[in-house]
């Protein structure tokens, strides 16, 4: 019975749950970036929120134009 109620509650509030999870993931990424920057690794990349296409392509253009040697891009959607 408790499982059924929990499932129904999650199903009814899935958008809120997804938004909260996305926020937590972005917060974790920012925290990891900060830790890596403090360890002397300042160029570690970016994370983009859904719909932030312009910023992604602007940053990608900048990275490609600044490349001096080889460039490896790893992105399952690219």
C-alpha atoms as a PDB file:
ATOM      1  CA  UNK A   1       0.000   0.000   0.000  1.00  0.00           C
ATOM      2  CA  UNK A   2       2.816   2.432   0.881  1.00  0.00           C
ATOM      3  CA  UNK A   3       4.567   1.671  -2.419  1.00  0.00           C
ATOM      4  CA  UNK A   4       1.391   2.416  -4.351  1.00  0.00           C
ATOM      5  CA  UNK A   5       0.909   5.743  -2.556  1.00  0.00           C
ATOM      6  CA  UNK A   6       4.555   6.678  -3.085  1.00  0.00           C
ATOM      7  CA  UNK A   7       4.345   5.790  -6.757  1.00  0.00           C
ATOM      8  CA  UNK A   8       1.174   7.817  -7.244  1.00  0.00           C
ATOM      9  CA  UNK A   9       2.698  10.789  -5.443  1.00  0.00           C
ATOM     10  CA  UNK A  10       5.845  10.648  -7.577  1.00  0.00           C
ATOM     11  CA  UNK A  11       3.817  10.234 -10.758  1.00  0.00           C
ATOM     12  CA  UNK A  12       1.731  13.289  -9.894  1.00  0.00           C
ATOM     13  CA  UNK A  13       4.782  15.385  -9.018  1.00  0.00           C
ATOM     14  CA  UNK A  14       7.287  14.101 -11.566  1.00  0.00           C
ATOM     15  CA  UNK A  15       8.061  17.498 -13.098  1.00  0.00           C
ATOM     16  CA  UNK A  16       8.915  18.931  -9.690  1.00  0.00           C
ATOM     17  CA  UNK A  17      11.004  15.853  -8.883  1.00  0.00           C
ATOM     18  CA  UNK A  18      12.915  16.072 -12.181  1.00  0.00           C
ATOM     19  CA  UNK A  19      13.557  19.794 -11.680  1.00  0.00           C
ATOM     20  CA  UNK A  20      14.902  19.142  -8.187  1.00  0.00           C
ATOM     21  CA  UNK A  21      17.130  16.328  -9.442  1.00  0.00           C
ATOM     22  CA  UNK A  22      18.471  18.527 -12.251  1.00  0.00           C
ATOM     23  CA  UNK A  23      19.256  21.241  -9.725  1.00  0.00           C
ATOM     24  CA  UNK A  24      21.086  18.795  -7.496  1.00  0.00           C
ATOM     25  CA  UNK A  25      23.121  17.447 -10.418  1.00  0.00           C
ATOM     26  CA  UNK A  26      24.075  20.965 -11.546  1.00  0.00           C
ATOM     27  CA  UNK A  27      25.041  21.863  -7.980  1.00  0.00           C
ATOM     28  CA  UNK A  28      27.212  18.742  -7.764  1.00  0.00           C
ATOM     29  CA  UNK A  29      28.894  19.604 -11.073  1.00  0.00           C
ATOM     30  CA  UNK A  30      29.637  23.142  -9.907  1.00  0.00           C
ATOM     31  CA  UNK A  31      31.070  21.795  -6.643  1.00  0.00           C
ATOM     32  CA  UNK A  32      33.312  19.366  -8.545  1.00  0.00           C
ATOM     33  CA  UNK A  33      34.435  22.150 -10.865  1.00  0.00           C
ATOM     34  CA  UNK A  34      35.363  24.283  -7.867  1.00  0.00           C
ATOM     35  CA  UNK A  35      37.309  21.432  -6.271  1.00  0.00           C
ATOM     36  CA  UNK A  36      39.199  20.776  -9.517  1.00  0.00           C
ATOM     37  CA  UNK A  37      39.952  24.465  -9.976  1.00  0.00           C
ATOM     38  CA  UNK A  38      41.349  24.579  -6.441  1.00  0.00           C
ATOM     39  CA  UNK A  39      43.583  21.621  -7.355  1.00  0.00           C
ATOM     40  CA  UNK A  40      45.081  23.633 -10.219  1.00  0.00           C
ATOM     41  CA  UNK A  41      42.970  22.220 -13.033  1.00  0.00           C
ATOM     42  CA  UNK A  42      41.189  25.346 -14.240  1.00  0.00           C
ATOM     43  CA  UNK A  43      40.197  24.153 -17.733  1.00  0.00           C
ATOM     44  CA  UNK A  44      37.714  21.393 -16.976  1.00  0.00           C
ATOM     45  CA  UNK A  45      34.781  22.306 -19.215  1.00  0.00           C
ATOM     46  CA  UNK A  46      31.215  23.423 -18.700  1.00  0.00           C
ATOM     47  CA  UNK A  47      27.790  22.047 -17.954  1.00  0.00           C
ATOM     48  CA  UNK A  48      24.787  23.586 -19.684  1.00  0.00           C
ATOM     49  CA  UNK A  49      21.191  23.687 -18.604  1.00  0.00           C
ATOM     50  CA  UNK A  50      18.487  22.428 -20.972  1.00  0.00           C
ATOM     51  CA  UNK A  51      17.678  25.043 -23.591  1.00  0.00           C
ATOM     52  CA  UNK A  52      20.992  26.875 -23.182  1.00  0.00           C
ATOM     53  CA  UNK A  53      21.933  26.149 -26.792  1.00  0.00           C
ATOM     54  CA  UNK A  54      23.345  29.605 -27.617  1.00  0.00           C
ATOM     55  CA  UNK A  55      25.844  29.539 -24.746  1.00  0.00           C
ATOM     56  CA  UNK A  56      26.906  26.002 -25.673  1.00  0.00           C
ATOM     57  CA  UNK A  57      27.630  26.896 -29.309  1.00  0.00           C
ATOM     58  CA  UNK A  58      29.297  30.183 -28.367  1.00  0.00           C
ATOM     59  CA  UNK A  59      31.624  28.310 -25.996  1.00  0.00           C
ATOM     60  CA  UNK A  60      32.222  25.553 -28.567  1.00  0.00           C
ATOM     61  CA  UNK A  61      33.152  28.129 -31.212  1.00  0.00           C
ATOM     62  CA  UNK A  62      35.579  29.763 -28.784  1.00  0.00           C
ATOM     63  CA  UNK A  63      37.182  26.431 -27.870  1.00  0.00           C
ATOM     64  CA  UNK A  64      37.612  25.422 -31.521  1.00  0.00           C
ATOM     65  CA  UNK A  65      39.049  28.790 -32.548  1.00  0.00           C
ATOM     66  CA  UNK A  66      41.506  28.775 -29.607  1.00  0.00           C
ATOM     67  CA  UNK A  67      42.745  25.229 -30.261  1.00  0.00           C
ATOM     68  CA  UNK A  68      46.444  25.099 -31.085  1.00  0.00           C
ATOM     69  CA  UNK A  69      46.847  21.355 -31.616  1.00  0.00           C
ATOM     70  CA  UNK A  70      44.383  18.494 -31.580  1.00  0.00           C
ATOM     71  CA  UNK A  71      40.904  18.796 -30.181  1.00  0.00           C
ATOM     72  CA  UNK A  72      38.866  15.885 -28.847  1.00  0.00           C
ATOM     73  CA  UNK A  73      35.192  16.482 -28.109  1.00  0.00           C
ATOM     74  CA  UNK A  74      33.319  13.798 -26.181  1.00  0.00           C
ATOM     75  CA  UNK A  75      29.564  14.320 -26.163  1.00  0.00           C
ATOM     76  CA  UNK A  76      26.970  11.621 -26.787  1.00  0.00           C
ATOM     77  CA  UNK A  77      24.574  14.145 -28.364  1.00  0.00           C
ATOM     78  CA  UNK A  78      27.094  16.073 -30.495  1.00  0.00           C
END
